Amino acid sequence: TRAQLAWHPVPGADRYVLYYALPDADGNLDPKEIHQLDLGRITGLDVDLGSGTRVFAAVQAVDSQAPDLASEISNVVKIVIP
């Protein structure tokens, strides 16, 4: 199953970082199991996920010239593939 993630470009951002994690045994986000992937300037991603996959994901906009101005990670999305 193909999952498509996309976001609008953020003014001033020169790269985006995807944070993702599989759920723990109870289906909740385990903060110790969060991984990240630097996407560069990409504003969309297509991923093949198997049936029944559950994953948490969030994208952060980053300005390399002012890293302290990186967007907050407030919109974590839980993706469930039927």
PDB file of N, CA and C in Angstrom:
ATOM      1  N   THR A   1       0.844  -1.167   0.000  1.00  0.00           N
ATOM      2  CA  THR A   1       0.000   0.000   0.000  1.00  0.00           C
ATOM      3  C   THR A   1       0.887   1.227   0.000  1.00  0.00           C
ATOM      4  N   ARG A   2       0.559   2.168  -0.831  1.00  0.00           N
ATOM      5  CA  ARG A   2       1.364   3.382  -0.960  1.00  0.00           C
ATOM      6  C   ARG A   2       0.761   4.495  -0.107  1.00  0.00           C
ATOM      7  N   ALA A   3       1.573   5.063   0.758  1.00  0.00           N
ATOM      8  CA  ALA A   3       1.162   6.206   1.577  1.00  0.00           C
ATOM      9  C   ALA A   3       1.856   7.445   1.034  1.00  0.00           C
ATOM     10  N   GLN A   4       1.105   8.516   0.875  1.00  0.00           N
ATOM     11  CA  GLN A   4       1.658   9.768   0.379  1.00  0.00           C
ATOM     12  C   GLN A   4       1.552  10.832   1.462  1.00  0.00           C
ATOM     13  N   LEU A   5       2.679  11.431   1.775  1.00  0.00           N
ATOM     14  CA  LEU A   5       2.727  12.543   2.722  1.00  0.00           C
ATOM     15  C   LEU A   5       3.159  13.778   1.943  1.00  0.00           C
ATOM     16  N   ALA A   6       2.518  14.901   2.201  1.00  0.00           N
ATOM     17  CA  ALA A   6       2.895  16.146   1.526  1.00  0.00           C
ATOM     18  C   ALA A   6       2.609  17.315   2.451  1.00  0.00           C
ATOM     19  N   TRP A   7       3.367  18.378   2.295  1.00  0.00           N
ATOM     20  CA  TRP A   7       3.179  19.571   3.115  1.00  0.00           C
ATOM     21  C   TRP A   7       3.524  20.789   2.272  1.00  0.00           C
ATOM     22  N   HIS A   8       2.983  21.925   2.686  1.00  0.00           N
ATOM     23  CA  HIS A   8       3.267  23.173   1.992  1.00  0.00           C
ATOM     24  C   HIS A   8       4.657  23.659   2.394  1.00  0.00           C
ATOM     25  N   PRO A   9       5.395  24.266   1.464  1.00  0.00           N
ATOM     26  CA  PRO A   9       6.695  24.837   1.826  1.00  0.00           C
ATOM     27  C   PRO A   9       6.531  25.889   2.919  1.00  0.00           C
ATOM     28  N   VAL A  10       7.467  25.926   3.829  1.00  0.00           N
ATOM     29  CA  VAL A  10       7.452  26.902   4.918  1.00  0.00           C
ATOM     30  C   VAL A  10       8.431  28.017   4.557  1.00  0.00           C
ATOM     31  N   PRO A  11       7.979  29.277   4.550  1.00  0.00           N
ATOM     32  CA  PRO A  11       8.888  30.384   4.216  1.00  0.00           C
ATOM     33  C   PRO A  11      10.125  30.379   5.117  1.00  0.00           C
ATOM     34  N   GLY A  12      11.287  30.470   4.508  1.00  0.00           N
ATOM     35  CA  GLY A  12      12.544  30.492   5.254  1.00  0.00           C
ATOM     36  C   GLY A  12      13.145  29.127   5.502  1.00  0.00           C
ATOM     37  N   ALA A  13      12.389  28.077   5.286  1.00  0.00           N
ATOM     38  CA  ALA A  13      12.927  26.728   5.522  1.00  0.00           C
ATOM     39  C   ALA A  13      13.813  26.314   4.356  1.00  0.00           C
ATOM     40  N   ASP A  14      14.980  25.782   4.675  1.00  0.00           N
ATOM     41  CA  ASP A  14      15.828  25.272   3.597  1.00  0.00           C
ATOM     42  C   ASP A  14      15.930  23.749   3.625  1.00  0.00           C
ATOM     43  N   ARG A  15      15.287  23.136   4.614  1.00  0.00           N
ATOM     44  CA  ARG A  15      15.214  21.677   4.635  1.00  0.00           C
ATOM     45  C   ARG A  15      14.101  21.247   5.581  1.00  0.00           C
ATOM     46  N   TYR A  16      13.729  19.986   5.447  1.00  0.00           N
ATOM     47  CA  TYR A  16      12.671  19.399   6.274  1.00  0.00           C
ATOM     48  C   TYR A  16      13.188  18.103   6.864  1.00  0.00           C
ATOM     49  N   VAL A  17      12.784  17.827   8.089  1.00  0.00           N
ATOM     50  CA  VAL A  17      13.185  16.594   8.768  1.00  0.00           C
ATOM     51  C   VAL A  17      11.917  15.818   9.107  1.00  0.00           C
ATOM     52  N   LEU A  18      11.891  14.553   8.700  1.00  0.00           N
ATOM     53  CA  LEU A  18      10.782  13.662   9.020  1.00  0.00           C
ATOM     54  C   LEU A  18      11.140  12.889  10.277  1.00  0.00           C
ATOM     55  N   TYR A  19      10.263  12.938  11.269  1.00  0.00           N
ATOM     56  CA  TYR A  19      10.397  12.124  12.474  1.00  0.00           C
ATOM     57  C   TYR A  19       9.337  11.036  12.398  1.00  0.00           C
ATOM     58  N   TYR A  20       9.713   9.798  12.701  1.00  0.00           N
ATOM     59  CA  TYR A  20       8.759   8.695  12.610  1.00  0.00           C
ATOM     60  C   TYR A  20       9.057   7.639  13.668  1.00  0.00           C
ATOM     61  N   ALA A  21       8.002   6.910  14.026  1.00  0.00           N
ATOM     62  CA  ALA A  21       8.149   5.841  15.021  1.00  0.00           C
ATOM     63  C   ALA A  21       7.020   4.839  14.849  1.00  0.00           C
ATOM     64  N   LEU A  22       7.321   3.582  15.058  1.00  0.00           N
ATOM     65  CA  LEU A  22       6.297   2.550  15.126  1.00  0.00           C
ATOM     66  C   LEU A  22       5.702   2.596  16.522  1.00  0.00           C
ATOM     67  N   PRO A  23       4.456   2.196  16.690  1.00  0.00           N
ATOM     68  CA  PRO A  23       3.847   2.231  18.021  1.00  0.00           C
ATOM     69  C   PRO A  23       4.414   1.133  18.923  1.00  0.00           C
ATOM     70  N   ASP A  24       4.250   1.353  20.237  1.00  0.00           N
ATOM     71  CA  ASP A  24       4.640   0.319  21.190  1.00  0.00           C
ATOM     72  C   ASP A  24       3.560  -0.765  21.208  1.00  0.00           C
ATOM     73  N   ALA A  25       3.686  -1.726  22.107  1.00  0.00           N
ATOM     74  CA  ALA A  25       2.744  -2.858  22.157  1.00  0.00           C
ATOM     75  C   ALA A  25       1.305  -2.418  22.411  1.00  0.00           C
ATOM     76  N   ASP A  26       1.119  -1.255  23.045  1.00  0.00           N
ATOM     77  CA  ASP A  26      -0.226  -0.751  23.329  1.00  0.00           C
ATOM     78  C   ASP A  26      -0.759   0.178  22.231  1.00  0.00           C
ATOM     79  N   GLY A  27       0.049   0.380  21.173  1.00  0.00           N
ATOM     80  CA  GLY A  27      -0.379   1.253  20.082  1.00  0.00           C
ATOM     81  C   GLY A  27      -0.072   2.722  20.293  1.00  0.00           C
ATOM     82  N   ASN A  28       0.723   3.021  21.322  1.00  0.00           N
ATOM     83  CA  ASN A  28       1.063   4.406  21.630  1.00  0.00           C
ATOM     84  C   ASN A  28       2.458   4.765  21.123  1.00  0.00           C
ATOM     85  N   LEU A  29       2.711   6.049  20.999  1.00  0.00           N
ATOM     86  CA  LEU A  29       4.019   6.537  20.588  1.00  0.00           C
ATOM     87  C   LEU A  29       5.033   6.282  21.694  1.00  0.00           C
ATOM     88  N   ASP A  30       6.146   5.638  21.354  1.00  0.00           N
ATOM     89  CA  ASP A  30       7.224   5.399  22.303  1.00  0.00           C
ATOM     90  C   ASP A  30       8.324   6.418  22.020  1.00  0.00           C
ATOM     91  N   PRO A  31       8.484   7.443  22.865  1.00  0.00           N
ATOM     92  CA  PRO A  31       9.463   8.501  22.607  1.00  0.00           C
ATOM     93  C   PRO A  31      10.897   8.004  22.467  1.00  0.00           C
ATOM     94  N   LYS A  32      11.195   6.818  23.000  1.00  0.00           N
ATOM     95  CA  LYS A  32      12.556   6.283  22.894  1.00  0.00           C
ATOM     96  C   LYS A  32      12.815   5.656  21.526  1.00  0.00           C
ATOM     97  N   GLU A  33      11.781   5.478  20.729  1.00  0.00           N
ATOM     98  CA  GLU A  33      11.923   4.810  19.437  1.00  0.00           C
ATOM     99  C   GLU A  33      11.694   5.749  18.249  1.00  0.00           C
ATOM    100  N   ILE A  34      11.865   7.041  18.457  1.00  0.00           N
ATOM    101  CA  ILE A  34      11.668   8.006  17.374  1.00  0.00           C
ATOM    102  C   ILE A  34      12.926   8.077  16.516  1.00  0.00           C
ATOM    103  N   HIS A  35      12.739   7.991  15.214  1.00  0.00           N
ATOM    104  CA  HIS A  35      13.836   8.076  14.252  1.00  0.00           C
ATOM    105  C   HIS A  35      13.638   9.330  13.411  1.00  0.00           C
ATOM    106  N   GLN A  36      14.697   9.758  12.730  1.00  0.00           N
ATOM    107  CA  GLN A  36      14.555  10.927  11.883  1.00  0.00           C
ATOM    108  C   GLN A  36      15.254  10.723  10.554  1.00  0.00           C
ATOM    109  N   LEU A  37      14.751  11.437   9.557  1.00  0.00           N
ATOM    110  CA  LEU A  37      15.284  11.361   8.210  1.00  0.00           C
ATOM    111  C   LEU A  37      15.311  12.775   7.640  1.00  0.00           C
ATOM    112  N   ASP A  38      16.503  13.253   7.281  1.00  0.00           N
ATOM    113  CA  ASP A  38      16.636  14.581   6.685  1.00  0.00           C
ATOM    114  C   ASP A  38      16.182  14.487   5.229  1.00  0.00           C
ATOM    115  N   LEU A  39      15.123  15.229   4.877  1.00  0.00           N
ATOM    116  CA  LEU A  39      14.545  15.166   3.534  1.00  0.00           C
ATOM    117  C   LEU A  39      15.062  16.260   2.607  1.00  0.00           C
ATOM    118  N   GLY A  40      15.958  17.109   3.097  1.00  0.00           N
ATOM    119  CA  GLY A  40      16.428  18.215   2.259  1.00  0.00           C
ATOM    120  C   GLY A  40      15.267  19.145   1.941  1.00  0.00           C
ATOM    121  N   ARG A  41      15.120  19.505   0.677  1.00  0.00           N
ATOM    122  CA  ARG A  41      14.065  20.441   0.262  1.00  0.00           C
ATOM    123  C   ARG A  41      12.785  19.745  -0.196  1.00  0.00           C
ATOM    124  N   ILE A  42      12.727  18.443  -0.068  1.00  0.00           N
ATOM    125  CA  ILE A  42      11.554  17.689  -0.512  1.00  0.00           C
ATOM    126  C   ILE A  42      10.323  18.089   0.305  1.00  0.00           C
ATOM    127  N   THR A  43       9.187  18.317  -0.377  1.00  0.00           N
ATOM    128  CA  THR A  43       7.944  18.673   0.326  1.00  0.00           C
ATOM    129  C   THR A  43       6.872  17.606   0.126  1.00  0.00           C
ATOM    130  N   GLY A  44       7.314  16.396  -0.123  1.00  0.00           N
ATOM    131  CA  GLY A  44       6.386  15.290  -0.264  1.00  0.00           C
ATOM    132  C   GLY A  44       7.155  13.987  -0.284  1.00  0.00           C
ATOM    133  N   LEU A  45       6.466  12.924   0.054  1.00  0.00           N
ATOM    134  CA  LEU A  45       7.126  11.624   0.166  1.00  0.00           C
ATOM    135  C   LEU A  45       6.113  10.532  -0.114  1.00  0.00           C
ATOM    136  N   ASP A  46       6.481   9.554  -0.926  1.00  0.00           N
ATOM    137  CA  ASP A  46       5.672   8.365  -1.182  1.00  0.00           C
ATOM    138  C   ASP A  46       6.389   7.178  -0.554  1.00  0.00           C
ATOM    139  N   VAL A  47       5.651   6.403   0.227  1.00  0.00           N
ATOM    140  CA  VAL A  47       6.244   5.272   0.925  1.00  0.00           C
ATOM    141  C   VAL A  47       5.360   4.046   0.746  1.00  0.00           C
ATOM    142  N   ASP A  48       5.968   2.902   0.469  1.00  0.00           N
ATOM    143  CA  ASP A  48       5.222   1.651   0.413  1.00  0.00           C
ATOM    144  C   ASP A  48       5.171   1.062   1.818  1.00  0.00           C
ATOM    145  N   LEU A  49       3.962   0.866   2.324  1.00  0.00           N
ATOM    146  CA  LEU A  49       3.773   0.283   3.652  1.00  0.00           C
ATOM    147  C   LEU A  49       2.870  -0.935   3.534  1.00  0.00           C
ATOM    148  N   GLY A  50       3.179  -1.957   4.299  1.00  0.00           N
ATOM    149  CA  GLY A  50       2.378  -3.170   4.258  1.00  0.00           C
ATOM    150  C   GLY A  50       1.047  -3.008   4.960  1.00  0.00           C
ATOM    151  N   SER A  51       0.116  -3.857   4.608  1.00  0.00           N
ATOM    152  CA  SER A  51      -1.203  -3.856   5.232  1.00  0.00           C
ATOM    153  C   SER A  51      -1.067  -4.029   6.740  1.00  0.00           C
ATOM    154  N   GLY A  52      -1.794  -3.234   7.507  1.00  0.00           N
ATOM    155  CA  GLY A  52      -1.748  -3.311   8.953  1.00  0.00           C
ATOM    156  C   GLY A  52      -0.664  -2.469   9.601  1.00  0.00           C
ATOM    157  N   THR A  53       0.145  -1.808   8.793  1.00  0.00           N
ATOM    158  CA  THR A  53       1.212  -0.959   9.341  1.00  0.00           C
ATOM    159  C   THR A  53       0.619   0.236  10.074  1.00  0.00           C
ATOM    160  N   ARG A  54       1.196   0.548  11.212  1.00  0.00           N
ATOM    161  CA  ARG A  54       0.845   1.753  11.979  1.00  0.00           C
ATOM    162  C   ARG A  54       2.144   2.487  12.251  1.00  0.00           C
ATOM    163  N   VAL A  55       2.134   3.772  12.001  1.00  0.00           N
ATOM    164  CA  VAL A  55       3.342   4.574  12.223  1.00  0.00           C
ATOM    165  C   VAL A  55       2.944   5.998  12.602  1.00  0.00           C
ATOM    166  N   PHE A  56       3.728   6.599  13.475  1.00  0.00           N
ATOM    167  CA  PHE A  56       3.559   7.999  13.828  1.00  0.00           C
ATOM    168  C   PHE A  56       4.551   8.804  12.998  1.00  0.00           C
ATOM    169  N   ALA A  57       4.142   9.974  12.514  1.00  0.00           N
ATOM    170  CA  ALA A  57       5.034  10.791  11.696  1.00  0.00           C
ATOM    171  C   ALA A  57       4.801  12.269  11.956  1.00  0.00           C
ATOM    172  N   ALA A  58       5.881  13.041  11.825  1.00  0.00           N
ATOM    173  CA  ALA A  58       5.816  14.504  11.933  1.00  0.00           C
ATOM    174  C   ALA A  58       6.936  15.072  11.077  1.00  0.00           C
ATOM    175  N   VAL A  59       6.707  16.251  10.515  1.00  0.00           N
ATOM    176  CA  VAL A  59       7.717  16.924   9.705  1.00  0.00           C
ATOM    177  C   VAL A  59       8.072  18.247  10.371  1.00  0.00           C
ATOM    178  N   GLN A  60       9.367  18.538  10.418  1.00  0.00           N
ATOM    179  CA  GLN A  60       9.838  19.793  10.989  1.00  0.00           C
ATOM    180  C   GLN A  60      10.537  20.599   9.902  1.00  0.00           C
ATOM    181  N   ALA A  61      10.189  21.875   9.782  1.00  0.00           N
ATOM    182  CA  ALA A  61      10.865  22.791   8.869  1.00  0.00           C
ATOM    183  C   ALA A  61      12.078  23.374   9.595  1.00  0.00           C
ATOM    184  N   VAL A  62      13.225  23.425   8.887  1.00  0.00           N
ATOM    185  CA  VAL A  62      14.463  23.891   9.508  1.00  0.00           C
ATOM    186  C   VAL A  62      15.104  24.962   8.633  1.00  0.00           C
ATOM    187  N   ASP A  63      15.592  26.012   9.266  1.00  0.00           N
ATOM    188  CA  ASP A  63      16.378  27.047   8.599  1.00  0.00           C
ATOM    189  C   ASP A  63      17.810  26.864   9.088  1.00  0.00           C
ATOM    190  N   SER A  64      18.709  26.400   8.221  1.00  0.00           N
ATOM    191  CA  SER A  64      20.079  26.098   8.633  1.00  0.00           C
ATOM    192  C   SER A  64      20.834  27.329   9.103  1.00  0.00           C
ATOM    193  N   GLN A  65      20.424  28.512   8.644  1.00  0.00           N
ATOM    194  CA  GLN A  65      21.083  29.742   9.065  1.00  0.00           C
ATOM    195  C   GLN A  65      20.664  30.145  10.479  1.00  0.00           C
ATOM    196  N   ALA A  66      19.504  29.691  10.911  1.00  0.00           N
ATOM    197  CA  ALA A  66      18.997  30.014  12.244  1.00  0.00           C
ATOM    198  C   ALA A  66      18.317  28.776  12.823  1.00  0.00           C
ATOM    199  N   PRO A  67      19.101  27.742  13.182  1.00  0.00           N
ATOM    200  CA  PRO A  67      18.511  26.472  13.622  1.00  0.00           C
ATOM    201  C   PRO A  67      17.593  26.600  14.829  1.00  0.00           C
ATOM    202  N   ASP A  68      17.759  27.646  15.623  1.00  0.00           N
ATOM    203  CA  ASP A  68      16.880  27.816  16.773  1.00  0.00           C
ATOM    204  C   ASP A  68      15.484  28.263  16.350  1.00  0.00           C
ATOM    205  N   LEU A  69      15.301  28.593  15.068  1.00  0.00           N
ATOM    206  CA  LEU A  69      13.995  28.989  14.557  1.00  0.00           C
ATOM    207  C   LEU A  69      13.245  27.828  13.903  1.00  0.00           C
ATOM    208  N   ALA A  70      13.727  26.608  14.114  1.00  0.00           N
ATOM    209  CA  ALA A  70      13.055  25.441  13.539  1.00  0.00           C
ATOM    210  C   ALA A  70      11.628  25.368  14.057  1.00  0.00           C
ATOM    211  N   SER A  71      10.718  24.942  13.194  1.00  0.00           N
ATOM    212  CA  SER A  71       9.321  24.834  13.608  1.00  0.00           C
ATOM    213  C   SER A  71       9.182  23.799  14.720  1.00  0.00           C
ATOM    214  N   GLU A  72       8.201  23.994  15.561  1.00  0.00           N
ATOM    215  CA  GLU A  72       7.941  23.038  16.622  1.00  0.00           C
ATOM    216  C   GLU A  72       7.277  21.800  16.039  1.00  0.00           C
ATOM    217  N   ILE A  73       7.488  20.674  16.679  1.00  0.00           N
ATOM    218  CA  ILE A  73       6.848  19.435  16.246  1.00  0.00           C
ATOM    219  C   ILE A  73       5.583  19.275  17.076  1.00  0.00           C
ATOM    220  N   SER A  74       4.491  19.797  16.549  1.00  0.00           N
ATOM    221  CA  SER A  74       3.254  19.773  17.312  1.00  0.00           C
ATOM    222  C   SER A  74       2.175  18.929  16.657  1.00  0.00           C
ATOM    223  N   ASN A  75       2.294  18.675  15.369  1.00  0.00           N
ATOM    224  CA  ASN A  75       1.271  17.923  14.668  1.00  0.00           C
ATOM    225  C   ASN A  75       1.772  16.527  14.308  1.00  0.00           C
ATOM    226  N   VAL A  76       1.730  15.628  15.279  1.00  0.00           N
ATOM    227  CA  VAL A  76       2.131  14.250  15.038  1.00  0.00           C
ATOM    228  C   VAL A  76       0.916  13.522  14.476  1.00  0.00           C
ATOM    229  N   VAL A  77       1.132  12.856  13.354  1.00  0.00           N
ATOM    230  CA  VAL A  77       0.048  12.146  12.682  1.00  0.00           C
ATOM    231  C   VAL A  77       0.244  10.650  12.873  1.00  0.00           C
ATOM    232  N   LYS A  78      -0.829   9.954  13.219  1.00  0.00           N
ATOM    233  CA  LYS A  78      -0.779   8.494  13.292  1.00  0.00           C
ATOM    234  C   LYS A  78      -1.329   7.967  11.987  1.00  0.00           C
ATOM    235  N   ILE A  79      -0.530   7.218  11.256  1.00  0.00           N
ATOM    236  CA  ILE A  79      -0.925   6.665   9.969  1.00  0.00           C
ATOM    237  C   ILE A  79      -1.242   5.183  10.165  1.00  0.00           C
ATOM    238  N   VAL A  80      -2.408   4.774   9.716  1.00  0.00           N
ATOM    239  CA  VAL A  80      -2.828   3.369   9.829  1.00  0.00           C
ATOM    240  C   VAL A  80      -3.173   2.875   8.438  1.00  0.00           C
ATOM    241  N   ILE A  81      -2.473   1.845   7.974  1.00  0.00           N
ATOM    242  CA  ILE A  81      -2.736   1.257   6.674  1.00  0.00           C
ATOM    243  C   ILE A  81      -3.682   0.071   6.884  1.00  0.00           C
ATOM    244  N   PRO A  82      -4.881   0.111   6.270  1.00  0.00           N
ATOM    245  CA  PRO A  82      -5.840  -0.988   6.467  1.00  0.00           C
ATOM    246  C   PRO A  82      -5.344  -2.299   5.875  1.00  0.00           C
TER     247      PRO A  82
END
